[in-house]
Amino acid sequence: MLAIIWHSRTGAARAMARAVFEGADGNARLLAAADVEPNDLLQAQGYAFVCPENLASMSGQMKEMFDRCYYPLLGRVEGRPYATAIAAGSDGSGAQAQIDRIVTGWRLKRVAEPMIVNMGAQTPEEIMAEKTVAEDVLDECRHLGMAFAEGLSLGIF
């Protein structure tokens, strides 16, 4: 089973996480980062981390999830696959790098290219506004969920 752990402030990452979930077609759990406990991650075979980039790093709720779960999972999830999807205003690389550094400690293995979706929000009003994700991006997220779930079910990952 794929665990899709997400946090969103303005709707983009939430929409992306839901699309990954839809693509996984019943072979996934959609988990809000604030609600994730170590046991949720231990029960999963793989992970999709979906969040916004805020101030050049992952969102606080996602970081809090990693803080809460990091040490209880240390030495217990090595080799499990992961993927990421970042909703960003213009860059996204800071959040991406931060997640990659953290999961290196868990010895997870990336199984999909990083997905960074730049929403083009630059002004305070644009940054704080509810976001609509383009359908082609949501299709890409669905494909990620489908491929990830299928890889897990076939034992590829």
C-alpha atoms as a PDB file:
ATOM      1  CA  MET A   1       0.000   0.000   0.000  1.00  0.00           C
ATOM      2  CA  LEU A   2       1.127   3.517  -0.868  1.00  0.00           C
ATOM      3  CA  ALA A   3       0.919   6.218   1.813  1.00  0.00           C
ATOM      4  CA  ILE A   4       0.308   9.666   0.340  1.00  0.00           C
ATOM      5  CA  ILE A   5       1.304  12.170   3.013  1.00  0.00           C
ATOM      6  CA  TRP A   6       0.259  15.720   2.229  1.00  0.00           C
ATOM      7  CA  HIS A   7      -0.069  19.233   3.530  1.00  0.00           C
ATOM      8  CA  SER A   8      -1.531  22.236   1.750  1.00  0.00           C
ATOM      9  CA  ARG A   9      -2.094  25.884   2.579  1.00  0.00           C
ATOM     10  CA  THR A  10      -3.836  27.138  -0.541  1.00  0.00           C
ATOM     11  CA  GLY A  11      -5.178  23.996  -2.200  1.00  0.00           C
ATOM     12  CA  ALA A  12      -2.547  23.155  -4.826  1.00  0.00           C
ATOM     13  CA  ALA A  13      -0.754  20.414  -2.887  1.00  0.00           C
ATOM     14  CA  ARG A  14      -4.114  19.046  -1.658  1.00  0.00           C
ATOM     15  CA  ALA A  15      -5.356  18.749  -5.258  1.00  0.00           C
ATOM     16  CA  MET A  16      -2.096  17.114  -6.314  1.00  0.00           C
ATOM     17  CA  ALA A  17      -2.238  14.608  -3.440  1.00  0.00           C
ATOM     18  CA  ARG A  18      -5.841  13.709  -4.274  1.00  0.00           C
ATOM     19  CA  ALA A  19      -4.872  13.149  -7.899  1.00  0.00           C
ATOM     20  CA  VAL A  20      -2.027  10.811  -6.850  1.00  0.00           C
ATOM     21  CA  PHE A  21      -4.577   8.981  -4.676  1.00  0.00           C
ATOM     22  CA  GLU A  22      -7.057   8.706  -7.571  1.00  0.00           C
ATOM     23  CA  GLY A  23      -4.349   7.273  -9.793  1.00  0.00           C
ATOM     24  CA  ALA A  24      -3.456   4.636  -7.202  1.00  0.00           C
ATOM     25  CA  ASP A  25      -7.015   3.327  -7.601  1.00  0.00           C
ATOM     26  CA  GLY A  26      -7.684   2.020  -4.103  1.00  0.00           C
ATOM     27  CA  ASN A  27      -4.127   0.900  -3.370  1.00  0.00           C
ATOM     28  CA  ALA A  28      -3.243   3.930  -1.265  1.00  0.00           C
ATOM     29  CA  ARG A  29      -4.061   5.870   1.878  1.00  0.00           C
ATOM     30  CA  LEU A  30      -4.371   9.641   1.750  1.00  0.00           C
ATOM     31  CA  LEU A  31      -2.983  11.005   5.027  1.00  0.00           C
ATOM     32  CA  ALA A  32      -2.878  14.614   6.183  1.00  0.00           C
ATOM     33  CA  ALA A  33       0.622  15.293   7.537  1.00  0.00           C
ATOM     34  CA  ALA A  34      -0.811  16.598  10.817  1.00  0.00           C
ATOM     35  CA  ASP A  35      -2.476  13.220  11.464  1.00  0.00           C
ATOM     36  CA  VAL A  36       0.375  10.877  10.508  1.00  0.00           C
ATOM     37  CA  GLU A  37       1.852   8.685  13.221  1.00  0.00           C
ATOM     38  CA  PRO A  38       4.903   6.431  12.898  1.00  0.00           C
ATOM     39  CA  ASN A  39       2.708   3.340  12.660  1.00  0.00           C
ATOM     40  CA  ASP A  40       0.990   4.760   9.556  1.00  0.00           C
ATOM     41  CA  LEU A  41       4.365   4.869   7.843  1.00  0.00           C
ATOM     42  CA  LEU A  42       5.433   1.463   9.101  1.00  0.00           C
ATOM     43  CA  GLN A  43       2.285  -0.094   7.602  1.00  0.00           C
ATOM     44  CA  ALA A  44       2.944   1.391   4.148  1.00  0.00           C
ATOM     45  CA  GLN A  45       5.122  -0.147   1.451  1.00  0.00           C
ATOM     46  CA  GLY A  46       6.009   3.207  -0.104  1.00  0.00           C
ATOM     47  CA  TYR A  47       5.497   6.937   0.289  1.00  0.00           C
ATOM     48  CA  ALA A  48       4.465   9.942  -1.779  1.00  0.00           C
ATOM     49  CA  PHE A  49       5.220  13.222   0.006  1.00  0.00           C
ATOM     50  CA  VAL A  50       3.151  16.138  -1.345  1.00  0.00           C
ATOM     51  CA  CYS A  51       3.458  19.652   0.053  1.00  0.00           C
ATOM     52  CA  PRO A  52       3.977  23.301  -0.781  1.00  0.00           C
ATOM     53  CA  GLU A  53       7.238  25.113  -0.633  1.00  0.00           C
ATOM     54  CA  ASN A  54       7.022  27.973   1.862  1.00  0.00           C
ATOM     55  CA  LEU A  55       9.939  30.380   2.237  1.00  0.00           C
ATOM     56  CA  ALA A  56      12.282  28.038   0.338  1.00  0.00           C
ATOM     57  CA  SER A  57      11.533  24.954   2.445  1.00  0.00           C
ATOM     58  CA  MET A  58       8.804  22.391   2.899  1.00  0.00           C
ATOM     59  CA  SER A  59       5.719  23.518   4.778  1.00  0.00           C
ATOM     60  CA  GLY A  60       5.793  23.454   8.562  1.00  0.00           C
ATOM     61  CA  GLN A  61       3.163  20.719   8.902  1.00  0.00           C
ATOM     62  CA  MET A  62       5.195  18.407   6.665  1.00  0.00           C
ATOM     63  CA  LYS A  63       8.365  19.169   8.628  1.00  0.00           C
ATOM     64  CA  GLU A  64       6.480  18.483  11.865  1.00  0.00           C
ATOM     65  CA  MET A  65       5.420  15.077  10.494  1.00  0.00           C
ATOM     66  CA  PHE A  66       9.043  14.224   9.755  1.00  0.00           C
ATOM     67  CA  ASP A  67      10.109  15.503  13.208  1.00  0.00           C
ATOM     68  CA  ARG A  68       7.465  13.361  14.902  1.00  0.00           C
ATOM     69  CA  CYS A  69       8.143  10.193  12.898  1.00  0.00           C
ATOM     70  CA  TYR A  70      11.853  10.321  12.092  1.00  0.00           C
ATOM     71  CA  TYR A  71      13.415   8.549  15.077  1.00  0.00           C
ATOM     72  CA  PRO A  72      10.678   5.930  15.586  1.00  0.00           C
ATOM     73  CA  LEU A  73      11.215   4.819  11.953  1.00  0.00           C
ATOM     74  CA  LEU A  74      15.005   4.952  11.940  1.00  0.00           C
ATOM     75  CA  GLY A  75      16.332   1.510  11.008  1.00  0.00           C
ATOM     76  CA  ARG A  76      12.852   0.196  10.171  1.00  0.00           C
ATOM     77  CA  VAL A  77      12.007   1.412   6.642  1.00  0.00           C
ATOM     78  CA  GLU A  78      15.261   1.096   4.684  1.00  0.00           C
ATOM     79  CA  GLY A  79      14.890   0.498   0.976  1.00  0.00           C
ATOM     80  CA  ARG A  80      11.249   1.505   0.748  1.00  0.00           C
ATOM     81  CA  PRO A  81      10.363   3.619  -2.292  1.00  0.00           C
ATOM     82  CA  TYR A  82       9.295   7.254  -2.279  1.00  0.00           C
ATOM     83  CA  ALA A  83       8.282  10.048  -4.599  1.00  0.00           C
ATOM     84  CA  THR A  84       7.651  13.754  -4.109  1.00  0.00           C
ATOM     85  CA  ALA A  85       5.348  16.406  -5.518  1.00  0.00           C
ATOM     86  CA  ILE A  86       5.962  20.025  -4.548  1.00  0.00           C
ATOM     87  CA  ALA A  87       3.617  22.961  -5.200  1.00  0.00           C
ATOM     88  CA  ALA A  88       5.705  26.124  -5.425  1.00  0.00           C
ATOM     89  CA  GLY A  89       5.265  29.780  -6.219  1.00  0.00           C
ATOM     90  CA  SER A  90       8.333  29.933  -8.439  1.00  0.00           C
ATOM     91  CA  ASP A  91      11.073  27.481  -7.421  1.00  0.00           C
ATOM     92  CA  GLY A  92      10.412  24.399  -5.263  1.00  0.00           C
ATOM     93  CA  SER A  93      13.991  23.149  -5.116  1.00  0.00           C
ATOM     94  CA  GLY A  94      14.437  24.060  -1.440  1.00  0.00           C
ATOM     95  CA  ALA A  95      11.511  21.911  -0.292  1.00  0.00           C
ATOM     96  CA  GLN A  96      12.592  19.120  -2.625  1.00  0.00           C
ATOM     97  CA  ALA A  97      16.155  19.130  -1.283  1.00  0.00           C
ATOM     98  CA  GLN A  98      14.952  19.228   2.314  1.00  0.00           C
ATOM     99  CA  ILE A  99      12.745  16.146   1.886  1.00  0.00           C
ATOM    100  CA  ASP A 100      15.509  14.298   0.030  1.00  0.00           C
ATOM    101  CA  ARG A 101      17.969  15.019   2.863  1.00  0.00           C
ATOM    102  CA  ILE A 102      15.568  13.789   5.526  1.00  0.00           C
ATOM    103  CA  VAL A 103      14.619  10.532   3.793  1.00  0.00           C
ATOM    104  CA  THR A 104      18.273   9.803   3.099  1.00  0.00           C
ATOM    105  CA  GLY A 105      18.486   9.120   6.839  1.00  0.00           C
ATOM    106  CA  TRP A 106      15.712   6.548   6.484  1.00  0.00           C
ATOM    107  CA  ARG A 107      17.562   5.081   3.472  1.00  0.00           C
ATOM    108  CA  LEU A 108      14.488   5.388   1.240  1.00  0.00           C
ATOM    109  CA  LYS A 109      14.949   5.074  -2.512  1.00  0.00           C
ATOM    110  CA  ARG A 110      13.486   7.529  -5.002  1.00  0.00           C
ATOM    111  CA  VAL A 111      11.431   5.776  -7.688  1.00  0.00           C
ATOM    112  CA  ALA A 112      10.123   8.748  -9.681  1.00  0.00           C
ATOM    113  CA  GLU A 113      11.611  12.008 -10.863  1.00  0.00           C
ATOM    114  CA  PRO A 114      10.833  14.899  -8.505  1.00  0.00           C
ATOM    115  CA  MET A 115       7.651  16.714  -9.471  1.00  0.00           C
ATOM    116  CA  ILE A 116       7.778  20.458  -8.876  1.00  0.00           C
ATOM    117  CA  VAL A 117       4.758  22.453  -9.981  1.00  0.00           C
ATOM    118  CA  ASN A 118       5.377  26.182 -10.136  1.00  0.00           C
ATOM    119  CA  MET A 119       2.130  28.082  -9.696  1.00  0.00           C
ATOM    120  CA  GLY A 120       3.685  31.457 -10.625  1.00  0.00           C
ATOM    121  CA  ALA A 121       2.465  33.189  -7.471  1.00  0.00           C
ATOM    122  CA  GLN A 122       4.678  36.198  -6.775  1.00  0.00           C
ATOM    123  CA  THR A 123       2.677  38.891  -5.016  1.00  0.00           C
ATOM    124  CA  PRO A 124       1.370  38.499  -1.449  1.00  0.00           C
ATOM    125  CA  GLU A 125      -2.169  38.341  -2.841  1.00  0.00           C
ATOM    126  CA  GLU A 126      -1.266  35.619  -5.368  1.00  0.00           C
ATOM    127  CA  ILE A 127       0.699  33.649  -2.798  1.00  0.00           C
ATOM    128  CA  MET A 128      -2.153  33.609  -0.279  1.00  0.00           C
ATOM    129  CA  ALA A 129      -4.934  32.944  -2.826  1.00  0.00           C
ATOM    130  CA  GLU A 130      -6.582  29.540  -3.232  1.00  0.00           C
ATOM    131  CA  LYS A 131      -4.894  27.739  -6.135  1.00  0.00           C
ATOM    132  CA  THR A 132      -6.286  25.816  -9.086  1.00  0.00           C
ATOM    133  CA  VAL A 133      -3.964  23.181 -10.531  1.00  0.00           C
ATOM    134  CA  ALA A 134      -4.033  22.688 -14.301  1.00  0.00           C
ATOM    135  CA  GLU A 135      -5.664  19.470 -15.485  1.00  0.00           C
ATOM    136  CA  ASP A 136      -2.504  18.300 -17.281  1.00  0.00           C
ATOM    137  CA  VAL A 137      -0.606  18.564 -13.985  1.00  0.00           C
ATOM    138  CA  LEU A 138      -3.324  16.616 -12.175  1.00  0.00           C
ATOM    139  CA  ASP A 139      -3.097  13.961 -14.915  1.00  0.00           C
ATOM    140  CA  GLU A 140       0.649  13.761 -14.280  1.00  0.00           C
ATOM    141  CA  CYS A 141      -0.100  13.266 -10.563  1.00  0.00           C
ATOM    142  CA  ARG A 142      -2.643  10.530 -11.373  1.00  0.00           C
ATOM    143  CA  HIS A 143      -0.046   8.817 -13.530  1.00  0.00           C
ATOM    144  CA  LEU A 144       2.446   8.985 -10.657  1.00  0.00           C
ATOM    145  CA  GLY A 145      -0.088   7.340  -8.329  1.00  0.00           C
ATOM    146  CA  MET A 146      -0.963   4.657 -10.879  1.00  0.00           C
ATOM    147  CA  ALA A 147       2.669   3.802 -11.682  1.00  0.00           C
ATOM    148  CA  PHE A 148       3.702   3.825  -8.023  1.00  0.00           C
ATOM    149  CA  ALA A 149       0.813   1.594  -6.878  1.00  0.00           C
ATOM    150  CA  GLU A 150       1.373  -0.788  -9.787  1.00  0.00           C
ATOM    151  CA  GLY A 151       5.106  -0.983  -9.038  1.00  0.00           C
ATOM    152  CA  LEU A 152       4.329  -1.832  -5.425  1.00  0.00           C
ATOM    153  CA  SER A 153       1.754  -4.498  -6.344  1.00  0.00           C
ATOM    154  CA  LEU A 154       4.154  -6.135  -8.824  1.00  0.00           C
ATOM    155  CA  GLY A 155       7.048  -6.067  -6.355  1.00  0.00           C
ATOM    156  CA  ILE A 156       9.158  -3.869  -8.652  1.00  0.00           C
ATOM    157  CA  PHE A 157       9.940  -1.436  -5.844  1.00  0.00           C
END
